Protein backbone atom coordinates (compact mmCIF):
# COMPACT_ATOMS: atom_id res chain seq x y z
CA MET A 1 66.60 -46.84 -25.33
CA ASP A 2 65.68 -49.75 -27.92
CA LYS A 3 63.44 -49.05 -31.10
CA THR A 4 60.48 -50.71 -29.66
CA ALA A 5 60.47 -48.53 -26.50
CA VAL A 6 60.72 -45.56 -28.58
CA THR A 7 57.92 -46.29 -31.05
CA VAL A 8 55.67 -46.90 -27.72
CA PHE A 9 56.33 -43.54 -26.59
CA LEU A 10 55.91 -42.24 -29.57
CA GLN A 11 52.57 -43.53 -29.92
CA LEU A 12 51.28 -42.74 -26.44
CA ARG A 13 52.63 -39.02 -26.98
CA ARG A 14 50.40 -38.76 -29.81
CA HIS A 15 47.43 -40.23 -28.44
CA ARG A 16 48.07 -37.84 -25.41
CA GLN A 17 47.95 -35.13 -27.87
CA GLN A 18 45.00 -35.92 -29.89
CA ILE A 19 43.21 -36.26 -26.37
CA ASN A 20 44.07 -32.68 -25.55
CA LYS A 21 43.28 -31.53 -28.84
CA ASP A 22 39.52 -33.33 -28.73
CA ARG A 23 39.26 -31.86 -25.17
CA ARG A 24 39.98 -28.13 -26.02
CA HIS A 25 37.76 -28.38 -29.01
CA ASN A 26 35.25 -29.41 -26.96
CA LEU A 27 35.84 -26.73 -24.84
CA ASP A 28 35.61 -24.15 -27.49
CA VAL A 29 32.35 -25.55 -28.39
CA LEU A 30 30.70 -25.47 -24.93
CA GLN A 31 32.34 -22.00 -24.28
CA GLU A 32 30.40 -20.52 -27.46
CA PHE A 33 27.15 -22.32 -26.39
CA LEU A 34 27.10 -20.66 -23.27
CA LYS A 35 28.53 -17.28 -24.08
CA PRO A 36 25.13 -15.77 -24.39
CA PHE A 37 23.88 -17.15 -21.37
CA CYS A 38 26.75 -16.03 -19.29
CA LEU A 39 26.45 -12.33 -20.66
CA TRP A 40 22.74 -12.18 -19.36
CA HIS A 41 23.95 -14.02 -16.19
CA CYS A 42 26.88 -11.43 -15.20
CA LEU A 43 24.49 -8.19 -16.00
CA TYR A 44 21.82 -9.78 -13.93
CA ILE A 45 24.70 -10.05 -11.46
CA SER A 46 26.08 -6.97 -11.87
CA SER A 47 22.67 -4.97 -11.23
CA PHE A 48 22.84 -6.16 -7.27
CA VAL A 49 26.37 -5.58 -6.47
CA ASP A 50 28.10 -1.75 -6.27
CA VAL A 51 30.62 -3.09 -9.14
CA PRO A 52 29.35 -2.64 -12.30
CA PHE A 53 29.85 -5.92 -14.89
CA HIS A 54 33.02 -4.70 -16.82
CA PRO A 55 33.32 -6.20 -20.61
CA ARG A 56 36.60 -7.68 -19.38
CA HIS A 57 34.99 -10.34 -17.14
CA ARG A 58 35.96 -13.89 -18.65
CA PHE A 59 33.82 -16.77 -19.09
CA ILE A 60 34.29 -20.06 -17.65
CA SER A 61 37.89 -18.62 -17.09
CA SER A 62 39.08 -21.88 -15.19
CA TYR A 63 39.25 -23.71 -18.47
CA ARG A 64 41.46 -21.43 -21.09
CA PRO A 65 42.31 -18.30 -18.78
CA ARG A 66 44.57 -16.97 -21.50
CA ARG A 67 43.42 -17.39 -24.52
CA HIS A 68 39.42 -16.79 -24.30
CA LYS A 69 39.04 -13.45 -23.65
CA LEU A 70 35.60 -11.42 -23.70
CA THR A 71 35.68 -8.67 -26.50
CA MET A 72 31.50 -7.93 -26.05
CA SER A 73 30.60 -4.72 -24.50
CA LEU A 74 27.22 -3.57 -22.66
CA PRO A 75 24.51 -1.66 -24.50
CA ALA A 76 24.77 2.32 -24.44
CA ASN A 77 21.77 2.48 -22.14
CA LEU A 78 23.32 0.32 -19.49
CA HIS A 79 26.63 2.13 -19.48
CA PRO A 80 26.97 4.03 -15.85
CA ASP A 81 27.16 7.58 -15.82
CA GLU A 82 26.28 10.60 -13.82
CA ALA A 83 22.59 10.42 -14.26
CA SER A 84 22.65 6.73 -13.49
CA PRO A 85 25.54 5.88 -10.71
CA PRO A 86 26.53 2.25 -10.49
CA TRP A 87 24.24 1.75 -7.24
CA LEU A 88 20.83 2.54 -9.27
CA ASN A 89 19.12 -0.73 -10.82
CA LYS A 90 16.59 1.11 -13.67
CA GLY A 91 14.21 -2.03 -13.92
CA ASP A 92 13.37 -1.57 -10.22
CA ASN A 93 13.53 2.08 -10.37
CA SER A 94 10.61 2.16 -13.38
CA TRP A 95 8.86 -0.21 -11.21
CA GLN A 96 8.76 1.51 -8.11
CA LEU A 97 7.69 4.78 -9.53
CA THR A 98 4.60 3.04 -11.72
CA ALA A 99 3.86 1.22 -8.27
CA ALA A 100 3.82 4.61 -6.54
CA THR A 101 1.69 6.11 -9.46
CA LEU A 102 -0.76 3.19 -9.20
CA VAL A 103 -1.34 3.91 -5.30
CA GLY A 104 -1.32 7.63 -5.86
CA LEU A 105 -4.45 6.64 -8.36
CA GLN A 106 -6.24 4.73 -5.70
CA SER A 107 -6.49 8.15 -4.05
CA VAL A 108 -6.98 10.91 -7.17
CA PRO A 109 -9.37 9.83 -8.76
CA GLY A 110 -10.05 6.18 -6.97
CA LEU A 111 -11.27 7.54 -3.78
CA VAL A 112 -12.23 10.65 -4.77
CA ILE A 113 -14.60 8.74 -6.79
CA LEU A 114 -15.69 6.51 -4.45
CA TYR A 115 -16.50 9.11 -1.49
CA GLY A 116 -17.95 11.22 -3.73
CA SER A 117 -21.07 8.60 -5.45
CA ILE A 118 -21.06 6.33 -2.03
CA VAL A 119 -22.86 9.37 0.03
CA LYS A 120 -26.13 11.21 0.00
CA LYS A 121 -26.30 13.61 -3.14
CA LYS A 122 -26.12 16.45 -0.92
CA TRP A 123 -22.60 15.54 0.60
CA ALA A 124 -21.08 14.82 -3.01
CA VAL A 125 -18.59 17.83 -3.37
CA ASN A 126 -17.94 17.82 0.34
CA SER A 127 -16.63 14.29 0.89
CA ALA A 128 -14.68 14.23 -2.71
CA PHE A 129 -13.15 17.23 -1.74
CA MET A 130 -12.29 16.16 1.69
CA ALA A 131 -9.93 13.26 -0.13
CA LEU A 132 -8.40 15.68 -2.77
CA TYR A 133 -7.39 18.26 -0.44
CA ALA A 134 -5.74 15.82 2.20
CA PHE A 135 -3.65 14.56 -1.07
CA ALA A 136 -2.84 17.44 -1.76
CA ALA A 137 -1.84 18.82 2.18
CA VAL A 138 0.16 15.33 2.96
CA LEU A 139 2.39 16.10 -0.49
CA VAL A 140 3.65 19.78 0.86
CA CYS A 141 3.72 18.23 4.58
CA TRP A 142 5.79 14.96 3.37
CA VAL A 143 8.54 17.08 1.78
CA GLY A 144 8.70 19.64 4.42
CA TRP A 145 9.35 17.20 7.30
CA GLY A 146 7.30 14.14 7.54
CA TYR A 147 9.10 11.68 5.18
CA ARG A 148 12.58 12.57 7.24
CA MET A 149 10.38 12.24 10.68
CA ALA A 150 9.04 8.21 9.30
CA PHE A 151 12.28 7.09 7.35
CA GLY A 152 15.32 9.75 8.40
CA ASP A 153 18.30 9.69 10.84
CA LYS A 154 17.44 8.22 14.13
CA PHE A 155 15.95 10.75 16.80
CA ILE A 156 14.76 8.68 19.33
CA HIS A 157 13.16 5.05 19.21
CA PHE A 158 9.90 5.64 17.28
CA LEU A 159 10.80 9.01 15.63
CA GLY A 160 13.22 10.56 12.93
CA VAL A 161 14.60 13.81 13.31
CA PRO A 162 12.42 16.42 11.18
CA ASN A 163 14.08 17.70 8.03
CA VAL A 164 13.38 18.94 4.61
CA SER A 165 13.66 16.68 1.34
CA LEU A 166 13.98 18.88 -1.28
CA ASP A 167 17.64 19.28 -1.63
CA ALA A 168 18.44 18.00 -5.06
CA GLN A 169 21.78 16.35 -3.68
CA TYR A 170 19.76 14.53 -1.07
CA LEU A 171 17.00 13.25 -3.64
CA ILE A 172 19.73 11.82 -5.88
CA GLU A 173 21.69 9.87 -3.33
CA GLN A 174 20.79 6.44 -2.86
CA ALA A 175 17.94 5.21 -0.75
CA PHE A 176 18.19 3.78 2.99
CA LEU A 177 16.78 0.46 0.88
CA GLY A 178 16.66 -0.73 -2.40
CA TYR A 179 18.87 0.36 -5.61
CA LEU A 180 16.80 3.68 -5.49
CA PRO A 181 17.27 7.34 -5.27
CA ASN A 182 15.53 9.33 -2.57
CA ALA A 183 13.65 11.00 -4.78
CA THR A 184 11.38 7.58 -5.62
CA MET A 185 11.63 6.92 -2.18
CA VAL A 186 9.78 9.89 -1.23
CA TYR A 187 7.25 9.73 -3.74
CA PHE A 188 6.65 6.21 -3.00
CA GLN A 189 6.08 6.61 0.83
CA PHE A 190 3.99 9.65 0.25
CA VAL A 191 1.34 8.17 -1.53
CA PHE A 192 0.73 5.90 1.38
CA ALA A 193 0.92 8.80 3.51
CA ALA A 194 -1.86 10.40 1.78
CA ILE A 195 -4.41 7.35 1.63
CA THR A 196 -3.86 6.81 4.61
CA LEU A 197 -5.00 10.43 5.84
CA ILE A 198 -8.01 9.49 3.26
CA LEU A 199 -9.24 6.42 4.81
CA ILE A 200 -9.80 8.36 7.95
CA ALA A 201 -11.88 11.10 6.10
CA GLY A 202 -13.87 8.00 5.11
CA ALA A 203 -15.35 7.59 9.23
CA LEU A 204 -16.02 11.76 9.20
CA LEU A 205 -18.12 12.08 6.04
CA GLY A 206 -21.28 14.31 6.26
CA ARG A 207 -20.54 16.60 8.94
CA MET A 208 -16.86 17.38 9.72
CA ASN A 209 -15.67 21.34 9.53
CA PHE A 210 -13.80 21.49 6.45
CA LEU A 211 -11.62 24.04 8.04
CA ALA A 212 -11.22 21.45 11.31
CA TRP A 213 -10.19 18.88 8.39
CA MET A 214 -7.55 21.31 6.74
CA LEU A 215 -6.05 21.53 10.49
CA PHE A 216 -6.44 17.44 11.10
CA VAL A 217 -4.60 16.19 7.99
CA PRO A 218 -1.09 18.20 9.07
CA LEU A 219 -1.47 17.60 12.68
CA TRP A 220 -2.28 14.26 12.35
CA LEU A 221 0.43 12.82 9.74
CA THR A 222 2.88 14.53 12.05
CA PHE A 223 2.13 13.23 15.54
CA SER A 224 0.57 9.76 14.42
CA TYR A 225 1.29 8.73 10.95
CA THR A 226 5.02 9.49 11.26
CA VAL A 227 5.44 7.69 14.66
CA GLY A 228 4.03 4.84 13.31
CA ALA A 229 5.81 4.27 10.00
CA TYR A 230 9.46 4.79 12.09
CA SER A 231 8.56 2.12 14.44
CA ILE A 232 7.27 -0.52 11.79
CA TRP A 233 8.92 0.26 8.68
CA CYS A 234 12.42 2.08 9.44
CA PRO A 235 14.96 -0.28 9.99
CA ASP A 236 16.05 1.73 12.93
CA GLY A 237 12.56 1.61 14.34
CA TRP A 238 11.76 -0.38 17.69
CA LEU A 239 8.97 -2.81 16.28
CA ALA A 240 11.15 -3.07 13.08
CA LYS A 241 14.09 -4.29 15.24
CA LYS A 242 12.04 -6.72 17.28
CA GLY A 243 11.19 -8.47 14.08
CA ILE A 244 7.39 -7.46 13.09
CA ILE A 245 6.24 -8.32 9.60
CA ASP A 246 4.30 -5.99 7.97
CA TYR A 247 4.81 -6.41 4.60
CA SER A 248 2.62 -3.45 3.01
CA GLY A 249 0.60 -1.44 5.57
CA GLY A 250 -1.94 -3.78 7.50
CA TYR A 251 -0.76 -2.03 10.34
CA VAL A 252 0.69 1.54 9.34
CA ILE A 253 -2.06 2.48 7.16
CA HIS A 254 -4.92 0.16 7.60
CA LEU A 255 -4.97 -0.35 11.55
CA SER A 256 -4.02 3.05 12.09
CA SER A 257 -6.53 4.79 9.93
CA GLY A 258 -9.48 2.29 11.15
CA VAL A 259 -8.73 3.17 14.69
CA ALA A 260 -7.75 6.97 14.01
CA GLY A 261 -10.99 7.55 12.07
CA PHE A 262 -13.38 5.97 14.75
CA THR A 263 -11.57 7.65 17.52
CA ALA A 264 -11.96 10.84 15.38
CA ALA A 265 -15.92 10.28 14.78
CA TYR A 266 -16.28 10.21 18.47
CA TRP A 267 -14.96 13.67 19.18
CA VAL A 268 -16.45 15.35 15.35
CA GLY A 269 -20.15 13.73 16.62
CA PRO A 270 -22.99 12.29 14.57
CA ARG A 271 -24.60 13.23 11.31
CA THR A 272 -27.98 14.48 11.58
CA THR A 273 -30.67 12.24 12.65
CA LYS A 274 -32.12 12.06 9.17
CA ASP A 275 -28.82 11.15 7.20
CA ARG A 276 -27.96 8.43 9.98
CA GLU A 277 -31.43 6.68 9.23
CA ARG A 278 -31.07 7.20 5.48
CA PHE A 279 -27.65 7.86 3.67
CA PRO A 280 -28.46 6.06 0.32
CA PRO A 281 -25.29 6.19 -2.39
CA ASN A 282 -26.10 9.13 -4.76
CA ASN A 283 -24.69 6.97 -8.18
CA ILE A 284 -23.79 3.30 -7.09
CA LEU A 285 -21.94 2.86 -10.97
CA LEU A 286 -19.71 5.70 -10.13
CA MET A 287 -18.87 3.63 -6.50
CA LEU A 288 -18.12 0.64 -8.70
CA ALA A 289 -15.55 2.74 -11.02
CA GLY A 290 -13.70 3.76 -7.70
CA ALA A 291 -13.55 0.83 -6.23
CA GLY A 292 -12.09 -1.10 -9.40
CA LEU A 293 -9.70 1.93 -9.34
CA LEU A 294 -9.10 1.00 -5.51
CA TRP A 295 -8.60 -2.76 -6.30
CA MET A 296 -6.41 -2.48 -9.26
CA GLY A 297 -4.09 0.07 -7.87
CA TRP A 298 -3.52 -2.39 -4.99
CA THR A 299 -1.12 -4.15 -7.69
CA GLY A 300 1.38 -1.43 -7.01
CA PHE A 301 0.58 -0.75 -3.04
CA ASN A 302 1.33 -4.67 -2.50
CA GLY A 303 3.77 -5.32 -5.66
CA GLY A 304 5.95 -2.26 -4.91
CA ASP A 305 7.12 -2.98 -1.38
CA PRO A 306 10.01 -5.01 -1.83
CA TYR A 307 11.54 -1.98 -3.65
CA THR A 308 12.38 -4.25 -6.07
CA VAL A 309 11.27 -6.62 -9.33
CA SER A 310 11.42 -9.93 -7.45
CA THR A 311 9.49 -13.13 -7.59
CA ASP A 312 8.40 -12.35 -4.20
CA ALA A 313 6.66 -8.79 -5.84
CA SER A 314 4.85 -11.20 -8.31
CA LEU A 315 3.94 -13.48 -5.63
CA ALA A 316 2.51 -10.42 -3.62
CA VAL A 317 0.34 -9.35 -6.44
CA LEU A 318 -1.25 -12.52 -6.95
CA ASN A 319 -1.93 -13.13 -3.48
CA THR A 320 -3.43 -9.77 -2.85
CA HIS A 321 -6.00 -10.31 -5.83
CA VAL A 322 -6.67 -14.11 -4.81
CA CYS A 323 -7.97 -13.33 -1.08
CA THR A 324 -9.64 -10.10 -2.42
CA ALA A 325 -11.70 -12.22 -4.73
CA THR A 326 -12.34 -14.70 -1.90
CA SER A 327 -13.16 -12.04 0.46
CA LEU A 328 -15.71 -10.28 -2.17
CA LEU A 329 -17.36 -13.73 -2.86
CA THR A 330 -17.62 -14.57 0.71
CA TRP A 331 -19.41 -11.29 2.05
CA LEU A 332 -21.62 -11.68 -1.27
CA MET A 333 -22.75 -15.21 -0.11
CA LEU A 334 -23.38 -14.14 3.69
CA ASP A 335 -25.50 -11.17 2.14
CA ILE A 336 -27.46 -13.67 -0.12
CA ILE A 337 -27.87 -16.25 3.00
CA PHE A 338 -28.90 -13.96 5.56
CA PHE A 339 -31.03 -10.98 3.55
CA GLY A 340 -31.71 -12.49 0.05
CA LYS A 341 -30.57 -10.28 -1.79
CA PRO A 342 -26.67 -9.65 -3.48
CA SER A 343 -25.83 -6.18 -2.14
CA VAL A 344 -23.26 -4.27 -4.49
CA ILE A 345 -22.22 -2.16 -1.84
CA GLY A 346 -21.80 -5.25 0.53
CA ALA A 347 -19.68 -6.36 -2.01
CA THR A 348 -17.54 -3.50 -2.04
CA GLN A 349 -17.05 -3.46 1.64
CA GLY A 350 -16.18 -7.14 1.28
CA MET A 351 -13.39 -6.26 -1.62
CA ILE A 352 -12.10 -3.84 0.63
CA THR A 353 -11.61 -6.21 3.54
CA GLY A 354 -9.83 -8.49 1.33
CA LEU A 355 -7.29 -6.30 0.18
CA VAL A 356 -6.78 -4.76 3.80
CA CYS A 357 -6.60 -8.11 5.38
CA ILE A 358 -3.74 -9.60 2.96
CA THR A 359 -1.87 -6.21 3.04
CA PRO A 360 0.59 -7.47 5.89
CA ALA A 361 1.05 -10.62 4.54
CA ALA A 362 1.03 -10.42 0.80
CA GLY A 363 4.77 -11.67 -0.07
CA VAL A 364 5.22 -13.95 2.93
CA VAL A 365 2.27 -16.32 2.66
CA GLN A 366 1.00 -19.10 0.34
CA GLY A 367 -1.23 -19.34 -2.01
CA TRP A 368 -3.57 -21.50 -0.08
CA ALA A 369 -3.09 -18.98 3.18
CA ALA A 370 -4.32 -16.25 0.75
CA ILE A 371 -7.67 -18.01 0.16
CA LEU A 372 -8.35 -18.50 3.78
CA MET A 373 -7.46 -15.36 4.73
CA GLY A 374 -9.84 -14.02 2.22
CA MET A 375 -12.35 -16.46 3.75
CA MET A 376 -12.09 -14.96 6.88
CA SER A 377 -11.67 -11.31 5.83
CA GLY A 378 -15.09 -11.47 4.19
CA SER A 379 -16.80 -13.20 7.12
CA ILE A 380 -15.43 -11.80 10.74
CA PRO A 381 -15.42 -8.05 9.55
CA TRP A 382 -19.17 -9.01 8.39
CA TYR A 383 -20.26 -10.32 11.39
CA THR A 384 -18.57 -7.53 13.66
CA MET A 385 -20.55 -4.60 11.09
CA MET A 386 -23.77 -6.66 10.69
CA VAL A 387 -24.27 -8.25 14.18
CA LEU A 388 -22.08 -6.59 16.76
CA HIS A 389 -22.50 -3.47 15.82
CA LYS A 390 -26.25 -3.40 16.37
CA LYS A 391 -25.75 -5.11 20.13
CA ILE A 392 -22.52 -3.22 21.23
CA GLY A 393 -23.99 0.29 22.57
CA PHE A 394 -20.64 2.41 22.12
CA LEU A 395 -20.34 1.05 18.61
CA LYS A 396 -23.90 2.20 17.85
CA HIS A 397 -23.11 5.63 19.62
CA VAL A 398 -20.06 6.39 17.17
CA ASP A 399 -21.07 7.47 13.44
CA ASP A 400 -18.44 5.99 11.73
CA THR A 401 -19.78 6.97 7.96
CA MET A 402 -18.00 4.65 5.98
CA ALA A 403 -18.00 1.67 8.72
CA VAL A 404 -14.01 2.55 8.37
CA PHE A 405 -13.67 0.63 11.89
CA HIS A 406 -15.00 -2.78 10.73
CA THR A 407 -13.06 -2.55 6.90
CA HIS A 408 -9.58 -1.23 8.35
CA ALA A 409 -9.44 -1.64 11.92
CA VAL A 410 -10.64 -5.36 12.12
CA ALA A 411 -9.56 -6.04 8.73
CA GLY A 412 -5.86 -5.15 9.41
CA SER A 413 -5.93 -6.68 13.09
CA LEU A 414 -6.88 -9.90 11.47
CA GLY A 415 -4.45 -9.83 8.96
CA GLY A 416 -1.76 -8.95 11.54
CA ILE A 417 -3.02 -11.84 13.40
CA LEU A 418 -3.16 -13.94 10.31
CA THR A 419 0.35 -13.11 9.30
CA GLY A 420 1.73 -14.38 12.58
CA LEU A 421 0.13 -17.68 11.86
CA PHE A 422 0.86 -18.41 8.44
CA ALA A 423 4.23 -16.53 7.41
CA VAL A 424 6.55 -18.70 5.61
CA PRO A 425 10.20 -18.30 6.81
CA LYS A 426 11.47 -18.91 3.32
CA LEU A 427 9.51 -16.18 1.64
CA ASN A 428 10.31 -13.69 4.55
CA ARG A 429 14.27 -14.25 3.20
CA LEU A 430 13.02 -13.27 -0.11
CA PHE A 431 11.44 -10.32 1.53
CA TYR A 432 13.88 -9.20 3.83
CA MET A 433 16.91 -10.31 2.56
CA VAL A 434 18.85 -10.00 5.57
CA THR A 435 21.07 -13.05 7.50
CA GLU A 436 18.95 -13.80 10.63
CA TRP A 437 15.58 -14.30 8.73
CA GLN A 438 14.69 -17.45 10.39
CA HIS A 439 13.34 -15.85 13.09
CA TYR A 440 10.16 -14.48 10.87
CA ILE A 441 8.41 -17.35 10.98
CA GLY A 442 4.42 -18.00 11.60
CA LEU A 443 3.26 -19.72 14.45
CA LEU A 444 1.97 -22.90 12.50
CA TYR A 445 5.26 -23.52 10.55
CA GLY A 446 7.15 -22.72 14.19
CA LEU A 447 4.87 -25.97 15.46
CA HIS A 448 5.46 -27.88 12.23
CA THR A 449 9.22 -27.61 12.31
CA GLY A 450 9.71 -27.89 15.61
CA HIS A 451 10.58 -24.13 16.10
CA THR A 452 7.98 -23.35 18.48
CA THR A 453 9.42 -20.81 20.88
CA ALA A 454 10.31 -18.78 17.54
CA GLY A 455 6.59 -19.38 16.30
CA PHE A 456 5.19 -18.01 19.50
CA THR A 457 7.56 -15.25 20.02
CA GLN A 458 6.66 -14.13 16.26
CA PHE A 459 2.77 -14.31 17.11
CA GLY A 460 3.73 -12.22 20.22
CA ILE A 461 5.47 -9.31 18.37
CA GLN A 462 2.58 -9.45 16.09
CA LEU A 463 0.14 -8.80 18.93
CA LEU A 464 2.47 -6.22 20.07
CA GLY A 465 2.22 -4.32 17.27
CA ILE A 466 -1.61 -4.29 17.14
CA ALA A 467 -1.52 -3.17 21.05
CA PHE A 468 0.97 -0.26 19.67
CA VAL A 469 -1.01 0.99 17.15
CA ILE A 470 -4.08 1.01 18.63
CA ILE A 471 -2.87 3.19 21.80
CA LEU A 472 -0.97 5.51 19.63
CA ASN A 473 -3.76 6.42 17.77
CA VAL A 474 -6.36 6.33 20.27
CA THR A 475 -4.00 8.89 21.89
CA THR A 476 -2.73 11.33 19.45
CA THR A 477 -6.30 11.35 17.56
CA SER A 478 -7.89 12.50 20.95
CA LEU A 479 -5.22 15.18 21.63
CA ILE A 480 -5.20 16.61 18.16
CA CYS A 481 -8.96 17.03 17.83
CA ASN A 482 -9.44 18.30 21.14
CA VAL A 483 -6.67 21.28 20.51
CA ILE A 484 -8.32 21.76 16.86
CA LYS A 485 -11.77 22.40 18.80
CA PHE A 486 -10.28 25.34 20.38
CA ILE A 487 -9.68 26.92 17.20
CA VAL A 488 -12.97 25.80 14.88
CA PRO A 489 -15.63 23.92 15.74
CA LEU A 490 -15.14 20.18 14.55
CA ARG A 491 -18.56 19.71 13.47
CA LEU A 492 -20.84 21.84 11.09
CA ALA A 493 -23.46 23.98 12.23
CA GLU A 494 -27.03 22.70 12.04
CA ASP A 495 -28.29 24.65 9.23
CA GLU A 496 -25.00 23.40 6.86
CA LEU A 497 -25.72 20.12 7.98
CA GLN A 498 -28.96 20.42 6.54
CA THR A 499 -28.26 21.84 3.33
CA GLY A 500 -24.80 20.43 2.61
CA ASP A 501 -22.13 20.79 -0.22
CA ASP A 502 -24.57 24.25 -1.23
CA ALA A 503 -23.87 25.67 2.43
CA ILE A 504 -19.89 24.63 2.62
CA HIS A 505 -18.67 25.17 -0.95
CA GLY A 506 -21.41 26.94 -2.72
CA GLU A 507 -21.32 24.36 -5.38
CA GLU A 508 -23.61 21.07 -6.21
CA ALA A 509 -22.08 18.27 -7.86
CA TYR A 510 -25.52 17.45 -10.05
CA ALA A 511 -27.39 19.98 -12.14
CA LEU A 512 -30.47 18.07 -12.13
CA TRP A 513 -32.50 18.42 -9.36
CA GLY A 514 -35.91 16.54 -8.10
CA ASP A 515 -37.80 15.15 -11.07
CA GLY A 516 -35.78 16.85 -13.57
CA GLU A 517 -36.08 20.46 -13.13
CA LYS A 518 -33.16 22.46 -13.62
CA TYR A 519 -31.62 23.50 -9.80
CA GLU A 520 -29.56 25.95 -9.69
CA SER A 521 -27.45 27.17 -6.17
CA ARG A 522 -29.00 29.86 -4.22
CA LEU A 523 -25.19 31.52 -3.73
CA THR A 524 -24.25 31.03 -7.66
CA SER A 525 -27.45 31.18 -9.49
CA VAL A 526 -28.38 33.17 -12.53
CA TYR A 527 -31.82 33.39 -11.05
CA GLU A 528 -33.21 35.58 -8.22
CA GLU A 529 -36.01 32.75 -6.72
CA PHE A 530 -37.88 29.86 -7.91
CA PRO A 531 -41.48 31.33 -8.79
CA PRO A 532 -44.47 28.90 -8.40
CA PRO A 533 -45.32 26.71 -11.17
CA THR A 534 -47.67 27.97 -14.10
CA LYS A 535 -50.65 26.07 -15.02
CA GLY A 536 -48.61 24.22 -17.53
CA GLY A 537 -46.48 22.56 -15.03
CA GLU A 538 -43.26 24.91 -16.11
CA VAL A 539 -40.89 27.09 -14.33
CA GLN A 540 -40.72 30.48 -15.51
CA MET A 541 -37.42 32.53 -15.12
CA VAL A 542 -37.37 35.75 -13.28
């Protein structure tokens, strides 16, 4: 080889070496820059897979697999151990417990306050206590047999095998959905079951025998709620397999409670004529406090149902509040237009119908759809309550104290139907996280994208769910009421209806009575009687 060729070869070799050196330098700079991002990405991914992130996982391994090894380790609180197994997501579990507690606060003290203040003064204690009793009774039944009937191993197409949920080994195992323990799922699902029974109580305030209510709660939970929950929410349920969309309980909770409450009100019978004609709230300010707890608690009601801290959970929370505010304003405007006054009670009803309507659709519809749903939930139940109720004889005959039929049955059905129209396939993918997500499509999107058959199928499934819930609850509630009335009367005696709390519980809600004179219960009074006023107008003690 001549001298010139050797010189050219050496120059090319040095040039190539310099290029490789520069390339390695650039990769080193890039890797140092990306290390923090890659670490958090791996930590994030590790929270969704069964294999935990290991500190020896390398970044950009395709470039320098042998020369660049990660020496960083996880924070001590993120290392798996016996109390925090690899499948547990601490963030999801924390949010799920928080969301469950928010829903629990909707009932206690939310609906306890709302029921105790929206009724006539003589029914304040009884109404509040019906809600408190239901909350406690449902929990005992739920861990005893209810949870496994609603979410346990398959028994038949619409019911699970009854079993207890008290064994520690079972409670610390992974739940059927999400990266949560069974204990969290049992607690979360309990507060939904409890609020369903409390909503039913709203139709029965002011006349139901409390002993009959004590029997009704466990019986209805066992033979009605568990069937609906298993059929619609449990992965093995027949409606769940068909693809029904019920994001957070428009069917299982609200439609069920509305239909069951109306049916139970029919069998229990009406309040006294005097109470039906005039039933003013005893404290509207407290009523608003209870309504506020109900509204804010819905953050956990709808935000907790993805069972994970996700973008879909955030969307569900925002849509919930947007729809509720729109519904309240719509109801308020209709009251002003047709009755000339902005009714506080009416606004509260509009708030409730908005919360109910958005529930089956919260995380699977667009924001503009939430506004449209709010407008319809503030107007259609308003029309059925204010207009149709007075024209249809059967509706007038049944004494539904809190208008649960309109605020929950009508609004819940409306929400299910509108979900069948507005459900977005990609949002359903985020919620259900299944491969066959394409069939979760609202009718309007089906028509727009050419998936007409899938859109009509989904809409038909939503209607099928409504029919199933109505038939189930009319049948089971009627049977339960007729069984109970052979044991104890469903309705209070006439003298108890005239007196109210004092006759039923021996307690009164307020110390002040009439124009300010102190009132003592005749059952717990330190006075023997109330003597006639003296000339000075004062009441003297005996």
